[in-house]
N, C-alpha and C. Protein backbone atom coordinates (compact mmCIF):
# COMPACT_ATOMS: atom_id res chain seq x y z
N MET A 1 55.33 157.02 128.11
CA MET A 1 54.29 157.06 127.10
C MET A 1 53.41 155.82 127.25
N SER A 2 52.13 156.02 127.26
CA SER A 2 51.22 154.88 127.31
C SER A 2 50.51 154.75 125.96
N VAL A 3 50.35 153.53 125.56
CA VAL A 3 49.69 153.24 124.28
C VAL A 3 48.30 152.69 124.59
N LYS A 4 47.33 153.15 123.85
CA LYS A 4 45.97 152.67 124.03
C LYS A 4 45.75 151.40 123.21
N LEU A 5 44.97 150.49 123.77
CA LEU A 5 44.65 149.25 123.06
C LEU A 5 44.03 149.55 121.70
N LYS A 6 43.10 150.48 121.66
CA LYS A 6 42.42 150.77 120.39
C LYS A 6 43.41 151.25 119.34
N ASP A 7 44.45 151.99 119.75
CA ASP A 7 45.45 152.46 118.80
C ASP A 7 46.30 151.31 118.28
N LEU A 8 46.63 150.36 119.15
CA LEU A 8 47.35 149.17 118.70
C LEU A 8 46.51 148.38 117.70
N PHE A 9 45.23 148.23 117.99
CA PHE A 9 44.35 147.49 117.09
C PHE A 9 44.18 148.22 115.76
N LEU A 10 44.06 149.54 115.80
CA LEU A 10 43.94 150.30 114.55
C LEU A 10 45.20 150.16 113.70
N GLU A 11 46.36 150.22 114.35
CA GLU A 11 47.62 150.07 113.62
C GLU A 11 47.71 148.68 112.99
N THR A 12 47.36 147.66 113.76
CA THR A 12 47.39 146.29 113.23
C THR A 12 46.39 146.12 112.10
N LEU A 13 45.20 146.62 112.29
CA LEU A 13 44.16 146.53 111.26
C LEU A 13 44.63 147.17 109.96
N ASN A 14 45.21 148.35 110.06
CA ASN A 14 45.68 149.05 108.86
C ASN A 14 46.81 148.31 108.18
N ARG A 15 47.72 147.75 108.96
CA ARG A 15 48.84 147.00 108.39
C ARG A 15 48.35 145.73 107.70
N GLU A 16 47.42 145.03 108.32
CA GLU A 16 46.92 143.77 107.77
C GLU A 16 46.03 143.99 106.54
N GLU A 17 45.42 145.16 106.44
CA GLU A 17 44.54 145.44 105.30
C GLU A 17 45.30 145.35 103.98
N ALA A 18 46.51 145.84 103.93
CA ALA A 18 47.26 145.87 102.67
C ALA A 18 47.46 144.46 102.10
N GLY A 19 47.92 143.54 102.94
CA GLY A 19 48.12 142.16 102.48
C GLY A 19 46.82 141.47 102.13
N THR A 20 45.80 141.77 102.90
CA THR A 20 44.49 141.18 102.63
C THR A 20 43.95 141.66 101.29
N ARG A 21 44.08 142.94 101.04
CA ARG A 21 43.61 143.51 99.77
C ARG A 21 44.34 142.86 98.60
N LYS A 22 45.67 142.69 98.72
CA LYS A 22 46.43 142.07 97.63
C LYS A 22 45.95 140.64 97.38
N ALA A 23 45.67 139.90 98.44
CA ALA A 23 45.19 138.52 98.27
C ALA A 23 43.82 138.51 97.61
N LEU A 24 42.92 139.38 98.06
CA LEU A 24 41.57 139.41 97.50
C LEU A 24 41.56 139.85 96.04
N GLU A 25 42.46 140.75 95.68
CA GLU A 25 42.54 141.20 94.29
C GLU A 25 42.89 140.07 93.33
N ARG A 26 43.50 139.02 93.85
CA ARG A 26 43.97 137.92 93.01
C ARG A 26 43.04 136.71 92.99
N VAL A 27 41.94 136.79 93.72
CA VAL A 27 40.97 135.69 93.72
C VAL A 27 40.37 135.61 92.32
N PRO A 28 40.46 134.45 91.67
CA PRO A 28 39.93 134.34 90.31
C PRO A 28 38.40 134.46 90.28
N GLU A 29 37.92 135.29 89.39
CA GLU A 29 36.47 135.45 89.22
C GLU A 29 35.89 134.21 88.56
N GLY A 30 34.64 133.90 88.89
CA GLY A 30 33.96 132.76 88.29
C GLY A 30 34.32 131.42 88.91
N GLU A 31 35.05 131.45 90.02
CA GLU A 31 35.49 130.21 90.69
C GLU A 31 34.91 130.08 92.09
N ASN A 32 33.84 130.81 92.39
CA ASN A 32 33.30 130.83 93.75
C ASN A 32 32.91 129.46 94.29
N ASP A 33 32.52 128.53 93.44
CA ASP A 33 32.08 127.21 93.90
C ASP A 33 33.22 126.20 93.99
N TRP A 34 34.44 126.61 93.65
CA TRP A 34 35.58 125.70 93.69
C TRP A 34 36.07 125.52 95.13
N ALA A 35 36.45 124.30 95.47
CA ALA A 35 37.08 124.00 96.76
C ALA A 35 38.14 122.94 96.51
N PRO A 36 39.25 122.98 97.26
CA PRO A 36 40.31 122.01 97.04
C PRO A 36 39.97 120.60 97.52
N HIS A 37 38.94 120.50 98.35
CA HIS A 37 38.54 119.21 98.91
C HIS A 37 37.07 119.31 99.29
N GLU A 38 36.39 118.19 99.33
CA GLU A 38 34.95 118.21 99.65
C GLU A 38 34.67 118.74 101.05
N LYS A 39 35.64 118.65 101.96
CA LYS A 39 35.45 119.15 103.33
C LYS A 39 35.94 120.59 103.50
N SER A 40 36.46 121.18 102.44
CA SER A 40 36.98 122.54 102.49
C SER A 40 35.90 123.56 102.15
N MET A 41 36.12 124.79 102.61
CA MET A 41 35.23 125.88 102.23
C MET A 41 35.35 126.14 100.74
N LYS A 42 34.29 126.60 100.15
CA LYS A 42 34.33 127.02 98.75
C LYS A 42 35.10 128.35 98.67
N LEU A 43 35.77 128.55 97.56
CA LEU A 43 36.60 129.73 97.37
C LEU A 43 35.81 131.02 97.56
N GLY A 44 34.62 131.11 97.01
CA GLY A 44 33.81 132.32 97.14
C GLY A 44 33.45 132.62 98.58
N TYR A 45 33.10 131.58 99.34
CA TYR A 45 32.77 131.77 100.75
C TYR A 45 34.00 132.23 101.52
N LEU A 46 35.14 131.57 101.29
CA LEU A 46 36.37 131.93 101.99
C LEU A 46 36.77 133.37 101.67
N ALA A 47 36.70 133.75 100.41
CA ALA A 47 37.07 135.12 100.03
C ALA A 47 36.15 136.14 100.69
N SER A 48 34.85 135.88 100.72
CA SER A 48 33.93 136.83 101.36
C SER A 48 34.13 136.84 102.87
N LEU A 49 34.49 135.71 103.45
CA LEU A 49 34.81 135.66 104.88
C LEU A 49 36.01 136.55 105.18
N VAL A 50 37.08 136.37 104.41
CA VAL A 50 38.29 137.18 104.61
C VAL A 50 37.98 138.67 104.43
N ALA A 51 37.17 139.00 103.45
CA ALA A 51 36.82 140.40 103.20
C ALA A 51 35.97 140.99 104.31
N SER A 52 35.16 140.19 104.97
CA SER A 52 34.20 140.71 105.94
C SER A 52 34.61 140.58 107.40
N MET A 53 35.65 139.85 107.70
CA MET A 53 36.01 139.61 109.09
C MET A 53 36.30 140.86 109.92
N PRO A 54 36.93 141.89 109.38
CA PRO A 54 37.19 143.06 110.23
C PRO A 54 35.94 143.66 110.87
N LYS A 55 34.79 143.55 110.21
CA LYS A 55 33.57 144.13 110.80
C LYS A 55 33.17 143.44 112.09
N TRP A 56 33.73 142.27 112.35
CA TRP A 56 33.44 141.60 113.62
C TRP A 56 33.88 142.47 114.80
N ILE A 57 34.88 143.32 114.57
CA ILE A 57 35.33 144.23 115.63
C ILE A 57 34.17 145.12 116.05
N ASP A 58 33.41 145.60 115.09
CA ASP A 58 32.24 146.43 115.39
C ASP A 58 31.26 145.67 116.29
N LEU A 59 31.01 144.40 115.98
CA LEU A 59 30.11 143.59 116.80
C LEU A 59 30.64 143.43 118.22
N MET A 60 31.94 143.20 118.33
CA MET A 60 32.55 142.97 119.65
C MET A 60 32.58 144.22 120.51
N ILE A 61 32.61 145.36 119.87
CA ILE A 61 32.61 146.62 120.62
C ILE A 61 31.19 147.08 120.94
N ASN A 62 30.27 146.92 120.01
CA ASN A 62 28.94 147.51 120.15
C ASN A 62 27.83 146.57 120.59
N GLN A 63 28.14 145.30 120.76
CA GLN A 63 27.19 144.33 121.32
C GLN A 63 27.88 143.62 122.48
N ASP A 64 27.09 143.16 123.44
CA ASP A 64 27.67 142.45 124.57
C ASP A 64 27.87 140.97 124.30
N GLU A 65 27.17 140.46 123.29
CA GLU A 65 27.33 139.05 122.93
C GLU A 65 26.85 138.83 121.51
N LEU A 66 27.25 137.69 120.97
CA LEU A 66 26.80 137.30 119.64
C LEU A 66 26.54 135.81 119.65
N ASP A 67 25.38 135.42 119.17
CA ASP A 67 25.08 134.01 118.94
C ASP A 67 25.17 133.82 117.44
N PHE A 68 26.27 133.21 116.98
CA PHE A 68 26.49 133.10 115.54
C PHE A 68 25.71 131.97 114.89
N ALA A 69 25.04 131.16 115.70
CA ALA A 69 24.22 130.07 115.14
C ALA A 69 22.94 129.93 115.94
N PRO A 70 22.12 130.98 116.00
CA PRO A 70 20.90 130.87 116.78
C PRO A 70 19.98 129.79 116.22
N VAL A 71 19.29 129.12 117.11
CA VAL A 71 18.40 128.04 116.70
C VAL A 71 17.36 128.58 115.73
N GLY A 72 17.22 127.90 114.60
CA GLY A 72 16.22 128.27 113.61
C GLY A 72 16.63 129.37 112.64
N GLU A 73 17.86 129.88 112.75
CA GLU A 73 18.32 130.94 111.85
C GLU A 73 19.65 130.55 111.23
N ASN A 74 19.93 131.11 110.08
CA ASN A 74 21.24 130.93 109.44
C ASN A 74 21.90 132.29 109.33
N LYS A 75 22.76 132.61 110.29
CA LYS A 75 23.45 133.89 110.27
C LYS A 75 24.79 133.81 109.55
N ASN A 76 25.15 132.66 109.07
CA ASN A 76 26.46 132.49 108.45
C ASN A 76 26.40 132.55 106.93
N LYS A 77 25.46 133.27 106.40
CA LYS A 77 25.38 133.42 104.95
C LYS A 77 26.53 134.32 104.49
N PRO A 78 27.28 133.87 103.50
CA PRO A 78 28.36 134.73 103.01
C PRO A 78 27.81 135.88 102.19
N PHE A 79 28.60 136.93 102.08
CA PHE A 79 28.24 138.00 101.17
C PHE A 79 28.34 137.46 99.76
N GLU A 80 27.38 137.80 98.95
CA GLU A 80 27.41 137.38 97.55
C GLU A 80 28.27 138.36 96.76
N TRP A 81 29.12 137.84 95.92
CA TRP A 81 29.93 138.68 95.04
C TRP A 81 30.22 137.90 93.77
N THR A 82 30.39 138.62 92.68
CA THR A 82 30.67 137.96 91.41
C THR A 82 31.93 138.49 90.74
N ASN A 83 32.43 139.65 91.20
CA ASN A 83 33.64 140.19 90.59
C ASN A 83 34.52 140.85 91.64
N THR A 84 35.73 141.14 91.25
CA THR A 84 36.72 141.69 92.18
C THR A 84 36.27 143.02 92.79
N PRO A 85 35.73 143.97 92.04
CA PRO A 85 35.28 145.21 92.68
C PRO A 85 34.24 144.97 93.78
N GLU A 86 33.33 144.03 93.57
CA GLU A 86 32.34 143.72 94.62
C GLU A 86 33.02 143.14 95.86
N LEU A 87 33.98 142.26 95.66
CA LEU A 87 34.70 141.65 96.78
C LEU A 87 35.47 142.72 97.56
N LEU A 88 36.14 143.61 96.85
CA LEU A 88 36.89 144.68 97.52
C LEU A 88 35.96 145.67 98.20
N ALA A 89 34.76 145.85 97.69
CA ALA A 89 33.77 146.72 98.35
C ALA A 89 33.35 146.13 99.70
N ILE A 90 33.28 144.80 99.78
CA ILE A 90 32.97 144.14 101.06
C ILE A 90 34.08 144.44 102.06
N LEU A 91 35.33 144.32 101.61
CA LEU A 91 36.47 144.65 102.49
C LEU A 91 36.41 146.11 102.92
N ASP A 92 36.18 147.01 101.98
CA ASP A 92 36.15 148.44 102.31
C ASP A 92 35.09 148.76 103.36
N GLU A 93 33.90 148.20 103.20
CA GLU A 93 32.82 148.44 104.16
C GLU A 93 33.15 147.83 105.52
N SER A 94 33.73 146.67 105.50
CA SER A 94 34.12 145.99 106.73
C SER A 94 35.19 146.79 107.48
N MET A 95 36.18 147.29 106.76
CA MET A 95 37.23 148.10 107.37
C MET A 95 36.66 149.40 107.93
N LYS A 96 35.74 149.99 107.22
CA LYS A 96 35.11 151.23 107.67
C LYS A 96 34.40 151.02 109.01
N LYS A 97 33.65 149.93 109.12
CA LYS A 97 32.94 149.63 110.37
C LYS A 97 33.91 149.34 111.50
N ALA A 98 34.96 148.59 111.22
CA ALA A 98 35.95 148.26 112.25
C ALA A 98 36.64 149.52 112.75
N ARG A 99 37.08 150.36 111.83
CA ARG A 99 37.78 151.59 112.22
C ARG A 99 36.87 152.50 113.05
N ALA A 100 35.63 152.67 112.60
CA ALA A 100 34.70 153.55 113.32
C ALA A 100 34.47 153.04 114.74
N ALA A 101 34.31 151.74 114.88
CA ALA A 101 34.08 151.16 116.22
C ALA A 101 35.30 151.37 117.11
N LEU A 102 36.48 151.12 116.57
CA LEU A 102 37.70 151.29 117.37
C LEU A 102 37.92 152.76 117.73
N GLU A 103 37.68 153.65 116.80
CA GLU A 103 37.90 155.07 117.07
C GLU A 103 36.94 155.60 118.12
N SER A 104 35.78 154.98 118.26
CA SER A 104 34.77 155.49 119.20
C SER A 104 34.80 154.80 120.56
N THR A 105 35.67 153.81 120.74
CA THR A 105 35.68 153.08 122.01
C THR A 105 36.78 153.58 122.94
N THR A 106 36.81 152.99 124.13
CA THR A 106 37.83 153.32 125.13
C THR A 106 38.50 152.04 125.60
N ASP A 107 39.67 152.19 126.19
CA ASP A 107 40.33 151.02 126.75
C ASP A 107 39.49 150.39 127.87
N GLU A 108 38.82 151.23 128.62
CA GLU A 108 37.97 150.71 129.69
C GLU A 108 36.90 149.78 129.13
N HIS A 109 36.31 150.18 128.02
CA HIS A 109 35.28 149.33 127.39
C HIS A 109 35.90 148.05 126.84
N LEU A 110 37.10 148.15 126.28
CA LEU A 110 37.77 146.96 125.72
C LEU A 110 38.14 145.95 126.80
N LEU A 111 38.17 146.39 128.05
CA LEU A 111 38.45 145.48 129.17
C LEU A 111 37.20 144.76 129.67
N THR A 112 36.03 145.18 129.21
CA THR A 112 34.79 144.54 129.65
C THR A 112 34.56 143.24 128.89
N THR A 113 33.69 142.42 129.44
CA THR A 113 33.45 141.07 128.92
C THR A 113 32.56 141.08 127.68
N TRP A 114 32.90 140.17 126.77
CA TRP A 114 32.11 139.92 125.57
C TRP A 114 31.92 138.42 125.46
N LYS A 115 30.73 138.00 125.03
CA LYS A 115 30.41 136.57 124.95
C LYS A 115 30.13 136.15 123.51
N LEU A 116 30.61 134.97 123.17
CA LEU A 116 30.31 134.33 121.90
C LEU A 116 29.54 133.06 122.20
N LYS A 117 28.40 132.91 121.52
CA LYS A 117 27.55 131.74 121.72
C LYS A 117 27.26 131.07 120.39
N ALA A 118 26.88 129.81 120.47
CA ALA A 118 26.39 129.06 119.31
C ALA A 118 25.17 128.28 119.77
N ALA A 119 24.03 128.56 119.15
CA ALA A 119 22.77 127.92 119.51
C ALA A 119 22.49 128.05 121.01
N GLY A 120 22.80 129.22 121.56
CA GLY A 120 22.55 129.50 122.96
C GLY A 120 23.61 129.00 123.92
N HIS A 121 24.55 128.21 123.44
CA HIS A 121 25.61 127.66 124.30
C HIS A 121 26.81 128.59 124.29
N LEU A 122 27.34 128.87 125.47
CA LEU A 122 28.49 129.76 125.60
C LEU A 122 29.74 129.09 125.04
N ILE A 123 30.40 129.78 124.10
CA ILE A 123 31.66 129.30 123.52
C ILE A 123 32.83 129.96 124.23
N THR A 124 32.76 131.27 124.39
CA THR A 124 33.82 132.01 125.07
C THR A 124 33.24 133.23 125.77
N GLU A 125 33.87 133.59 126.85
CA GLU A 125 33.50 134.78 127.61
C GLU A 125 34.80 135.40 128.10
N ASP A 126 35.26 136.39 127.37
CA ASP A 126 36.56 137.01 127.64
C ASP A 126 36.45 138.52 127.47
N PRO A 127 37.48 139.25 127.92
CA PRO A 127 37.48 140.68 127.65
C PRO A 127 37.43 140.95 126.14
N ARG A 128 36.80 142.04 125.78
CA ARG A 128 36.66 142.38 124.36
C ARG A 128 38.01 142.42 123.64
N TYR A 129 39.03 142.96 124.31
CA TYR A 129 40.33 143.07 123.64
C TYR A 129 40.90 141.70 123.30
N VAL A 130 40.65 140.69 124.13
CA VAL A 130 41.11 139.33 123.84
C VAL A 130 40.39 138.80 122.61
N ASN A 131 39.09 139.00 122.55
CA ASN A 131 38.31 138.54 121.40
C ASN A 131 38.70 139.26 120.12
N ILE A 132 39.00 140.55 120.20
CA ILE A 132 39.44 141.28 119.01
C ILE A 132 40.79 140.75 118.54
N GLN A 133 41.72 140.57 119.46
CA GLN A 133 43.05 140.09 119.09
C GLN A 133 43.00 138.67 118.53
N GLN A 134 42.35 137.76 119.26
CA GLN A 134 42.36 136.36 118.85
C GLN A 134 41.24 136.01 117.87
N GLY A 135 40.04 136.50 118.15
CA GLY A 135 38.88 136.12 117.36
C GLY A 135 38.74 136.85 116.04
N VAL A 136 39.44 137.99 115.92
CA VAL A 136 39.39 138.71 114.65
C VAL A 136 40.77 138.76 114.01
N LEU A 137 41.71 139.46 114.63
CA LEU A 137 42.98 139.72 113.95
C LEU A 137 43.79 138.46 113.67
N MET A 138 43.95 137.59 114.66
CA MET A 138 44.69 136.34 114.43
C MET A 138 43.90 135.39 113.53
N HIS A 139 42.61 135.34 113.74
CA HIS A 139 41.73 134.49 112.94
C HIS A 139 41.73 134.96 111.48
N TRP A 140 41.74 136.27 111.29
CA TRP A 140 41.78 136.88 109.96
C TRP A 140 43.05 136.48 109.22
N ALA A 141 44.19 136.56 109.92
CA ALA A 141 45.46 136.16 109.30
C ALA A 141 45.44 134.68 108.92
N HIS A 142 44.84 133.86 109.77
CA HIS A 142 44.72 132.43 109.48
C HIS A 142 43.94 132.19 108.18
N HIS A 143 42.78 132.80 108.06
CA HIS A 143 41.95 132.58 106.87
C HIS A 143 42.56 133.23 105.62
N ARG A 144 43.28 134.33 105.80
CA ARG A 144 43.97 134.92 104.66
C ARG A 144 45.07 133.96 104.19
N GLY A 145 45.77 133.33 105.13
CA GLY A 145 46.76 132.32 104.76
C GLY A 145 46.13 131.15 104.02
N GLN A 146 44.98 130.73 104.50
CA GLN A 146 44.23 129.67 103.82
C GLN A 146 43.89 130.11 102.39
N LEU A 147 43.48 131.36 102.25
CA LEU A 147 43.14 131.88 100.93
C LEU A 147 44.36 131.88 100.00
N THR A 148 45.54 132.18 100.54
CA THR A 148 46.73 132.17 99.68
C THR A 148 47.05 130.75 99.19
N VAL A 149 46.74 129.74 99.99
CA VAL A 149 46.92 128.36 99.52
C VAL A 149 45.96 128.09 98.36
N TYR A 150 44.72 128.53 98.50
CA TYR A 150 43.76 128.38 97.41
C TYR A 150 44.27 129.09 96.15
N LEU A 151 44.83 130.30 96.32
CA LEU A 151 45.37 131.03 95.17
C LEU A 151 46.45 130.20 94.47
N ARG A 152 47.34 129.62 95.24
CA ARG A 152 48.41 128.80 94.66
C ARG A 152 47.81 127.62 93.89
N LEU A 153 46.82 126.96 94.49
CA LEU A 153 46.21 125.81 93.82
C LEU A 153 45.47 126.21 92.54
N LYS A 154 45.02 127.45 92.46
CA LYS A 154 44.33 127.94 91.25
C LYS A 154 45.31 128.61 90.29
N GLU A 155 46.60 128.47 90.55
CA GLU A 155 47.64 129.05 89.68
C GLU A 155 47.61 130.58 89.64
N ALA A 156 47.07 131.20 90.68
CA ALA A 156 47.09 132.66 90.80
C ALA A 156 48.35 133.06 91.56
N ALA A 157 48.84 134.25 91.29
CA ALA A 157 50.04 134.74 91.97
C ALA A 157 49.74 134.97 93.45
N VAL A 158 50.61 134.45 94.31
CA VAL A 158 50.47 134.63 95.76
C VAL A 158 51.22 135.90 96.15
N PRO A 159 50.54 136.83 96.81
CA PRO A 159 51.19 138.10 97.15
C PRO A 159 52.20 137.96 98.29
N ALA A 160 53.16 138.86 98.29
CA ALA A 160 54.04 139.02 99.44
C ALA A 160 53.21 139.67 100.54
N ILE A 161 53.18 139.06 101.72
CA ILE A 161 52.39 139.62 102.81
C ILE A 161 53.31 140.00 103.97
N TYR A 162 53.95 139.03 104.61
CA TYR A 162 54.90 139.32 105.68
C TYR A 162 56.34 139.24 105.19
N GLY A 163 56.50 138.74 104.00
CA GLY A 163 57.80 138.60 103.36
C GLY A 163 57.55 138.21 101.93
N PRO A 164 58.62 138.06 101.15
CA PRO A 164 58.42 137.73 99.74
C PRO A 164 57.74 136.37 99.57
N SER A 165 57.02 136.24 98.47
CA SER A 165 56.45 134.95 98.09
C SER A 165 57.20 134.46 96.85
N ALA A 166 56.88 133.28 96.40
CA ALA A 166 57.52 132.76 95.18
C ALA A 166 57.14 133.60 93.97
N ASP A 167 56.06 134.37 94.08
CA ASP A 167 55.56 135.17 92.96
C ASP A 167 55.86 136.65 93.06
N GLU A 168 56.18 137.12 94.26
CA GLU A 168 56.27 138.57 94.44
C GLU A 168 57.32 138.92 95.49
N ARG A 169 58.19 139.82 95.14
CA ARG A 169 59.12 140.41 96.10
C ARG A 169 58.45 141.64 96.68
N PHE A 170 59.01 142.15 97.73
CA PHE A 170 58.43 143.38 98.31
C PHE A 170 58.60 144.56 97.40
């Protein structure tokens, strides 16, 4: 039996969505400008980042490169949200785009090169599947973990994601 890369990514995406959704549901409303430190991301930005990261898969499949900081432009504007339903809608739309892109691609395409640039400078040039695994799925888990630390600092319940938390059993 051979397994397709896109099927592995779809399975991982679906599994990770549940924990991500639980974390996003617990982000306190009205705290978007809060950060644990002056050098840290603001809670609202981090939450919208976590909600929107899956759509990066669509970019990696349907574009040959991305310059995330083109000279003279600000492409890193977070999605604006003020309440939990809006935040979850960002996640839902992001998941929809990621799933559609994965369902429409092939392993052959996932083996082709994708480039990430910043202000025209090459950051990485790797096969698309490497960028999806490391640049989206692993990166997503990292920022979701960061978000759970913020939840703890705001006295919100931290969800069980890969195992029980101090606040939630499976």
